[in-house]
Amino acid sequence: MSQRNTGVTPQVVNAHACPVREVLDRVAGKWSVQILVAAAHGPIRFTELERGIEGISRRMLTLTLRNLERDGLVTRTVHPTVPPKVEYELTPQARELHETLQRLTDWAERNRVYIAEARAAYDTAHEPELADV
């Protein structure tokens, strides 16, 4: 008979996972990732982000930038010109995150064929079960 891990309770899991999940939810969001990638090469203006990120609304871009700024991942600089020039730039923590995202992207690219083959093999082996779902 196997021994159970009795120290794992919903409270313990949530106490440890909740802060991490909150950060991952923010930085792994569709728009956040695209903004991080777009701003990885240096300061970028709002309109450049808006044009460069397909499908993002002006409101969603504004909200996502505010959240990234609040999280300390993006700095916002307003230059005193007419009209005002606003630039966004990644912080050192966001640059580190971008490197991590790049490694994840590289891993996904290297393993995409393997994953597709594994899915096909699983689906073939479990076809009768999947039809019942």
N, C-alpha and C. Protein backbone atom coordinates (compact mmCIF):
# COMPACT_ATOMS: atom_id res chain seq x y z
N MET A 1 0.84 -1.17 0.00
CA MET A 1 0.00 0.00 0.00
C MET A 1 0.89 1.24 0.00
N SER A 2 0.61 2.16 -0.87
CA SER A 2 1.44 3.36 -0.96
C SER A 2 1.05 4.36 0.12
N GLN A 3 2.05 5.12 0.53
CA GLN A 3 1.81 6.14 1.53
C GLN A 3 1.32 7.40 0.84
N ARG A 4 0.32 8.05 1.41
CA ARG A 4 -0.27 9.23 0.80
C ARG A 4 0.45 10.47 1.29
N ASN A 5 0.48 11.47 0.44
CA ASN A 5 1.06 12.76 0.81
C ASN A 5 -0.03 13.56 1.51
N THR A 6 -0.07 13.46 2.82
CA THR A 6 -1.14 14.10 3.58
C THR A 6 -0.91 15.58 3.81
N GLY A 7 0.26 16.09 3.44
CA GLY A 7 0.54 17.51 3.64
C GLY A 7 0.00 18.39 2.53
N VAL A 8 -0.57 17.78 1.49
CA VAL A 8 -1.09 18.56 0.38
C VAL A 8 -2.58 18.80 0.58
N THR A 9 -2.91 20.03 0.86
CA THR A 9 -4.30 20.43 1.01
C THR A 9 -4.56 21.57 0.04
N PRO A 10 -5.82 21.85 -0.27
CA PRO A 10 -6.10 22.99 -1.15
C PRO A 10 -5.50 24.29 -0.62
N GLN A 11 -5.50 24.46 0.70
CA GLN A 11 -4.95 25.68 1.28
C GLN A 11 -3.45 25.79 1.02
N VAL A 12 -2.74 24.67 1.18
CA VAL A 12 -1.29 24.66 0.95
C VAL A 12 -0.99 24.92 -0.51
N VAL A 13 -1.71 24.26 -1.40
CA VAL A 13 -1.49 24.44 -2.84
C VAL A 13 -1.77 25.89 -3.23
N ASN A 14 -2.90 26.43 -2.78
CA ASN A 14 -3.25 27.81 -3.14
C ASN A 14 -2.28 28.82 -2.56
N ALA A 15 -1.80 28.58 -1.36
CA ALA A 15 -0.85 29.52 -0.75
C ALA A 15 0.44 29.61 -1.55
N HIS A 16 0.86 28.50 -2.12
CA HIS A 16 2.11 28.50 -2.90
C HIS A 16 1.87 28.82 -4.37
N ALA A 17 0.80 28.29 -4.94
CA ALA A 17 0.57 28.42 -6.37
C ALA A 17 -0.07 29.74 -6.76
N CYS A 18 -0.89 30.31 -5.90
CA CYS A 18 -1.66 31.50 -6.27
C CYS A 18 -0.79 32.66 -6.72
N PRO A 19 0.24 33.06 -5.97
CA PRO A 19 1.07 34.17 -6.45
C PRO A 19 1.77 33.85 -7.77
N VAL A 20 2.24 32.63 -7.91
CA VAL A 20 2.91 32.24 -9.14
C VAL A 20 1.92 32.23 -10.29
N ARG A 21 0.75 31.67 -10.05
CA ARG A 21 -0.27 31.62 -11.09
C ARG A 21 -0.66 33.02 -11.54
N GLU A 22 -0.77 33.93 -10.58
CA GLU A 22 -1.13 35.31 -10.91
C GLU A 22 -0.09 35.95 -11.83
N VAL A 23 1.17 35.74 -11.52
CA VAL A 23 2.25 36.29 -12.36
C VAL A 23 2.24 35.63 -13.73
N LEU A 24 2.13 34.30 -13.76
CA LEU A 24 2.13 33.59 -15.05
C LEU A 24 0.93 33.96 -15.90
N ASP A 25 -0.23 34.13 -15.27
CA ASP A 25 -1.41 34.55 -16.04
C ASP A 25 -1.17 35.89 -16.71
N ARG A 26 -0.51 36.79 -15.99
CA ARG A 26 -0.27 38.13 -16.53
C ARG A 26 0.75 38.09 -17.67
N VAL A 27 1.89 37.46 -17.42
CA VAL A 27 2.96 37.53 -18.42
C VAL A 27 2.78 36.56 -19.57
N ALA A 28 1.94 35.55 -19.39
CA ALA A 28 1.71 34.59 -20.46
C ALA A 28 0.49 34.93 -21.30
N GLY A 29 -0.16 36.03 -20.99
CA GLY A 29 -1.33 36.43 -21.76
C GLY A 29 -0.96 36.74 -23.20
N LYS A 30 -1.91 36.52 -24.06
CA LYS A 30 -1.71 36.72 -25.51
C LYS A 30 -1.11 38.09 -25.83
N TRP A 31 -1.67 39.14 -25.27
CA TRP A 31 -1.21 40.49 -25.61
C TRP A 31 0.10 40.82 -24.91
N SER A 32 0.27 40.37 -23.68
CA SER A 32 1.50 40.65 -22.95
C SER A 32 2.71 40.09 -23.69
N VAL A 33 2.60 38.86 -24.12
CA VAL A 33 3.72 38.23 -24.83
C VAL A 33 4.05 39.01 -26.09
N GLN A 34 3.04 39.41 -26.84
CA GLN A 34 3.30 40.14 -28.08
C GLN A 34 3.92 41.51 -27.81
N ILE A 35 3.50 42.16 -26.74
CA ILE A 35 4.10 43.45 -26.39
C ILE A 35 5.55 43.25 -25.97
N LEU A 36 5.82 42.23 -25.18
CA LEU A 36 7.19 41.96 -24.75
C LEU A 36 8.10 41.68 -25.95
N VAL A 37 7.59 40.93 -26.89
CA VAL A 37 8.38 40.62 -28.09
C VAL A 37 8.60 41.89 -28.91
N ALA A 38 7.56 42.69 -29.08
CA ALA A 38 7.67 43.91 -29.89
C ALA A 38 8.61 44.93 -29.26
N ALA A 39 8.65 44.98 -27.95
CA ALA A 39 9.48 45.98 -27.26
C ALA A 39 10.88 45.46 -26.94
N ALA A 40 11.18 44.26 -27.33
CA ALA A 40 12.47 43.64 -26.98
C ALA A 40 13.67 44.32 -27.63
N HIS A 41 13.44 45.03 -28.72
CA HIS A 41 14.56 45.63 -29.45
C HIS A 41 14.81 47.08 -29.08
N GLY A 42 14.17 47.55 -28.02
CA GLY A 42 14.39 48.93 -27.58
C GLY A 42 13.09 49.67 -27.42
N PRO A 43 13.19 50.93 -27.06
CA PRO A 43 11.97 51.73 -26.82
C PRO A 43 11.05 51.71 -28.04
N ILE A 44 9.76 51.69 -27.75
CA ILE A 44 8.77 51.63 -28.83
C ILE A 44 7.59 52.50 -28.45
N ARG A 45 7.04 53.17 -29.44
CA ARG A 45 5.90 54.06 -29.21
C ARG A 45 4.59 53.29 -29.26
N PHE A 46 3.58 53.88 -28.63
CA PHE A 46 2.25 53.28 -28.56
C PHE A 46 1.73 52.95 -29.95
N THR A 47 1.84 53.91 -30.86
CA THR A 47 1.30 53.69 -32.21
C THR A 47 2.04 52.58 -32.95
N GLU A 48 3.34 52.44 -32.68
CA GLU A 48 4.09 51.35 -33.29
C GLU A 48 3.59 50.00 -32.77
N LEU A 49 3.32 49.95 -31.46
CA LEU A 49 2.76 48.72 -30.89
C LEU A 49 1.39 48.42 -31.48
N GLU A 50 0.57 49.45 -31.57
CA GLU A 50 -0.79 49.30 -32.09
C GLU A 50 -0.77 48.77 -33.53
N ARG A 51 0.13 49.30 -34.34
CA ARG A 51 0.23 48.84 -35.74
C ARG A 51 0.86 47.46 -35.83
N GLY A 52 1.79 47.16 -34.93
CA GLY A 52 2.55 45.92 -35.03
C GLY A 52 1.89 44.69 -34.44
N ILE A 53 0.90 44.89 -33.58
CA ILE A 53 0.24 43.76 -32.93
C ILE A 53 -1.15 43.59 -33.54
N GLU A 54 -1.24 42.62 -34.42
CA GLU A 54 -2.49 42.41 -35.16
C GLU A 54 -3.63 41.99 -34.23
N GLY A 55 -4.75 42.67 -34.36
CA GLY A 55 -5.95 42.29 -33.64
C GLY A 55 -6.14 42.96 -32.28
N ILE A 56 -5.15 43.67 -31.79
CA ILE A 56 -5.29 44.29 -30.48
C ILE A 56 -6.03 45.62 -30.62
N SER A 57 -6.97 45.85 -29.73
CA SER A 57 -7.69 47.12 -29.74
C SER A 57 -6.87 48.15 -28.97
N ARG A 58 -7.17 49.40 -29.22
CA ARG A 58 -6.48 50.50 -28.52
C ARG A 58 -6.69 50.36 -27.01
N ARG A 59 -7.91 50.03 -26.61
CA ARG A 59 -8.22 49.88 -25.19
C ARG A 59 -7.44 48.72 -24.57
N MET A 60 -7.38 47.58 -25.25
CA MET A 60 -6.66 46.42 -24.71
C MET A 60 -5.17 46.69 -24.64
N LEU A 61 -4.64 47.40 -25.63
CA LEU A 61 -3.23 47.76 -25.60
C LEU A 61 -2.95 48.67 -24.40
N THR A 62 -3.80 49.65 -24.18
CA THR A 62 -3.64 50.56 -23.05
C THR A 62 -3.69 49.80 -21.72
N LEU A 63 -4.69 48.93 -21.56
CA LEU A 63 -4.82 48.17 -20.32
C LEU A 63 -3.63 47.24 -20.09
N THR A 64 -3.19 46.57 -21.13
CA THR A 64 -2.08 45.64 -21.00
C THR A 64 -0.79 46.38 -20.67
N LEU A 65 -0.56 47.52 -21.32
CA LEU A 65 0.63 48.32 -21.01
C LEU A 65 0.59 48.80 -19.57
N ARG A 66 -0.56 49.25 -19.11
CA ARG A 66 -0.69 49.69 -17.71
C ARG A 66 -0.37 48.56 -16.74
N ASN A 67 -0.89 47.38 -17.03
CA ASN A 67 -0.63 46.23 -16.17
C ASN A 67 0.85 45.85 -16.18
N LEU A 68 1.46 45.87 -17.35
CA LEU A 68 2.89 45.55 -17.44
C LEU A 68 3.72 46.61 -16.72
N GLU A 69 3.30 47.85 -16.81
CA GLU A 69 4.00 48.93 -16.09
C GLU A 69 3.81 48.73 -14.59
N ARG A 70 2.61 48.43 -14.17
CA ARG A 70 2.32 48.20 -12.75
C ARG A 70 3.15 47.04 -12.20
N ASP A 71 3.33 46.01 -13.01
CA ASP A 71 4.11 44.84 -12.61
C ASP A 71 5.61 45.07 -12.68
N GLY A 72 6.04 46.24 -13.12
CA GLY A 72 7.46 46.55 -13.19
C GLY A 72 8.16 45.92 -14.37
N LEU A 73 7.41 45.59 -15.42
CA LEU A 73 8.01 44.96 -16.59
C LEU A 73 8.22 45.92 -17.74
N VAL A 74 7.52 47.04 -17.71
CA VAL A 74 7.63 48.05 -18.76
C VAL A 74 7.75 49.42 -18.09
N THR A 75 8.61 50.25 -18.64
CA THR A 75 8.67 51.64 -18.19
C THR A 75 8.04 52.51 -19.26
N ARG A 76 7.38 53.55 -18.81
CA ARG A 76 6.70 54.49 -19.71
C ARG A 76 7.40 55.83 -19.55
N THR A 77 7.89 56.37 -20.66
CA THR A 77 8.58 57.65 -20.64
C THR A 77 7.83 58.63 -21.53
N VAL A 78 7.46 59.77 -20.94
CA VAL A 78 6.79 60.83 -21.69
C VAL A 78 7.83 61.91 -21.97
N HIS A 79 8.08 62.17 -23.24
CA HIS A 79 9.03 63.21 -23.65
C HIS A 79 8.26 64.52 -23.82
N PRO A 80 8.78 65.62 -23.26
CA PRO A 80 8.06 66.91 -23.31
C PRO A 80 8.15 67.58 -24.68
N THR A 81 7.42 67.02 -25.61
CA THR A 81 7.36 67.59 -26.95
C THR A 81 5.91 67.88 -27.29
N VAL A 82 5.69 68.57 -28.38
CA VAL A 82 4.32 68.82 -28.84
C VAL A 82 4.17 68.16 -30.20
N PRO A 83 3.31 67.17 -30.35
CA PRO A 83 2.56 66.49 -29.30
C PRO A 83 3.49 65.64 -28.43
N PRO A 84 3.05 65.26 -27.22
CA PRO A 84 3.91 64.46 -26.35
C PRO A 84 4.31 63.14 -27.01
N LYS A 85 5.54 62.76 -26.82
CA LYS A 85 6.05 61.50 -27.35
C LYS A 85 6.16 60.54 -26.17
N VAL A 86 5.46 59.41 -26.26
CA VAL A 86 5.46 58.42 -25.18
C VAL A 86 6.12 57.15 -25.70
N GLU A 87 7.09 56.66 -24.95
CA GLU A 87 7.78 55.43 -25.32
C GLU A 87 7.69 54.42 -24.20
N TYR A 88 7.67 53.16 -24.59
CA TYR A 88 7.65 52.05 -23.64
C TYR A 88 8.92 51.24 -23.85
N GLU A 89 9.48 50.80 -22.73
CA GLU A 89 10.71 50.03 -22.79
C GLU A 89 10.67 48.93 -21.75
N LEU A 90 11.28 47.78 -22.08
CA LEU A 90 11.33 46.67 -21.14
C LEU A 90 12.30 46.96 -20.00
N THR A 91 11.93 46.53 -18.81
CA THR A 91 12.83 46.62 -17.66
C THR A 91 13.79 45.43 -17.72
N PRO A 92 14.83 45.43 -16.91
CA PRO A 92 15.73 44.26 -16.89
C PRO A 92 15.00 42.95 -16.60
N GLN A 93 14.00 43.00 -15.72
CA GLN A 93 13.24 41.77 -15.42
C GLN A 93 12.48 41.30 -16.66
N ALA A 94 11.93 42.23 -17.41
CA ALA A 94 11.20 41.86 -18.63
C ALA A 94 12.16 41.34 -19.70
N ARG A 95 13.37 41.87 -19.74
CA ARG A 95 14.36 41.35 -20.70
C ARG A 95 14.71 39.90 -20.37
N GLU A 96 14.83 39.63 -19.08
CA GLU A 96 15.08 38.25 -18.64
C GLU A 96 13.89 37.36 -19.02
N LEU A 97 12.69 37.86 -18.81
CA LEU A 97 11.48 37.13 -19.20
C LEU A 97 11.46 36.88 -20.70
N HIS A 98 11.84 37.88 -21.49
CA HIS A 98 11.87 37.72 -22.94
C HIS A 98 12.84 36.61 -23.34
N GLU A 99 13.99 36.55 -22.69
CA GLU A 99 14.95 35.47 -22.97
C GLU A 99 14.33 34.11 -22.67
N THR A 100 13.59 34.03 -21.57
CA THR A 100 12.92 32.79 -21.20
C THR A 100 11.86 32.43 -22.23
N LEU A 101 11.08 33.42 -22.66
CA LEU A 101 10.07 33.17 -23.70
C LEU A 101 10.73 32.71 -24.99
N GLN A 102 11.88 33.27 -25.30
CA GLN A 102 12.60 32.87 -26.51
C GLN A 102 13.04 31.42 -26.42
N ARG A 103 13.53 31.02 -25.25
CA ARG A 103 13.93 29.61 -25.06
C ARG A 103 12.72 28.69 -25.17
N LEU A 104 11.58 29.11 -24.61
CA LEU A 104 10.35 28.32 -24.72
C LEU A 104 9.92 28.19 -26.17
N THR A 105 10.01 29.29 -26.91
CA THR A 105 9.67 29.28 -28.34
C THR A 105 10.59 28.34 -29.10
N ASP A 106 11.88 28.40 -28.79
CA ASP A 106 12.85 27.50 -29.44
C ASP A 106 12.52 26.04 -29.14
N TRP A 107 12.19 25.77 -27.87
CA TRP A 107 11.83 24.40 -27.47
C TRP A 107 10.60 23.94 -28.25
N ALA A 108 9.59 24.79 -28.33
CA ALA A 108 8.35 24.44 -29.03
C ALA A 108 8.63 24.17 -30.51
N GLU A 109 9.48 24.96 -31.11
CA GLU A 109 9.82 24.76 -32.52
C GLU A 109 10.56 23.43 -32.72
N ARG A 110 11.50 23.14 -31.83
CA ARG A 110 12.25 21.88 -31.94
C ARG A 110 11.36 20.66 -31.73
N ASN A 111 10.32 20.80 -30.92
CA ASN A 111 9.52 19.64 -30.52
C ASN A 111 8.13 19.58 -31.12
N ARG A 112 7.80 20.50 -32.01
CA ARG A 112 6.44 20.54 -32.54
C ARG A 112 6.09 19.28 -33.33
N VAL A 113 7.02 18.75 -34.10
CA VAL A 113 6.75 17.53 -34.87
C VAL A 113 6.55 16.36 -33.92
N TYR A 114 7.41 16.26 -32.90
CA TYR A 114 7.29 15.19 -31.91
C TYR A 114 5.91 15.24 -31.24
N ILE A 115 5.47 16.43 -30.85
CA ILE A 115 4.18 16.57 -30.17
C ILE A 115 3.03 16.22 -31.11
N ALA A 116 3.12 16.65 -32.35
CA ALA A 116 2.07 16.32 -33.33
C ALA A 116 1.99 14.81 -33.53
N GLU A 117 3.15 14.14 -33.61
CA GLU A 117 3.16 12.69 -33.78
C GLU A 117 2.62 11.99 -32.54
N ALA A 118 2.98 12.50 -31.35
CA ALA A 118 2.48 11.91 -30.10
C ALA A 118 0.97 12.06 -30.00
N ARG A 119 0.45 13.19 -30.39
CA ARG A 119 -1.01 13.41 -30.37
C ARG A 119 -1.70 12.44 -31.33
N ALA A 120 -1.16 12.32 -32.52
CA ALA A 120 -1.77 11.42 -33.50
C ALA A 120 -1.75 9.98 -33.00
N ALA A 121 -0.64 9.56 -32.41
CA ALA A 121 -0.55 8.19 -31.88
C ALA A 121 -1.53 8.00 -30.73
N TYR A 122 -1.65 8.97 -29.87
CA TYR A 122 -2.60 8.89 -28.75
C TYR A 122 -4.03 8.81 -29.27
N ASP A 123 -4.37 9.70 -30.20
CA ASP A 123 -5.73 9.71 -30.76
C ASP A 123 -6.07 8.40 -31.44
N THR A 124 -5.10 7.82 -32.15
CA THR A 124 -5.33 6.54 -32.81
C THR A 124 -5.54 5.44 -31.77
N ALA A 125 -4.72 5.42 -30.74
CA ALA A 125 -4.82 4.38 -29.71
C ALA A 125 -6.08 4.53 -28.86
N HIS A 126 -6.59 5.73 -28.73
CA HIS A 126 -7.75 5.98 -27.86
C HIS A 126 -9.01 6.37 -28.65
N GLU A 127 -9.02 6.06 -29.92
CA GLU A 127 -10.15 6.44 -30.76
C GLU A 127 -11.51 6.00 -30.24
N PRO A 128 -11.66 4.72 -29.82
CA PRO A 128 -12.99 4.31 -29.30
C PRO A 128 -13.38 5.09 -28.04
N GLU A 129 -12.43 5.36 -27.16
CA GLU A 129 -12.71 6.12 -25.94
C GLU A 129 -13.11 7.55 -26.25
N LEU A 130 -12.42 8.16 -27.22
CA LEU A 130 -12.69 9.55 -27.56
C LEU A 130 -14.06 9.70 -28.21
N ALA A 131 -14.52 8.68 -28.90
CA ALA A 131 -15.83 8.75 -29.55
C ALA A 131 -16.96 8.75 -28.51
N ASP A 132 -16.69 8.15 -27.34
CA ASP A 132 -17.71 8.09 -26.29
C ASP A 132 -17.83 9.40 -25.52
N VAL A 133 -16.88 10.27 -25.63
CA VAL A 133 -16.89 11.50 -24.84
C VAL A 133 -17.89 12.49 -25.33
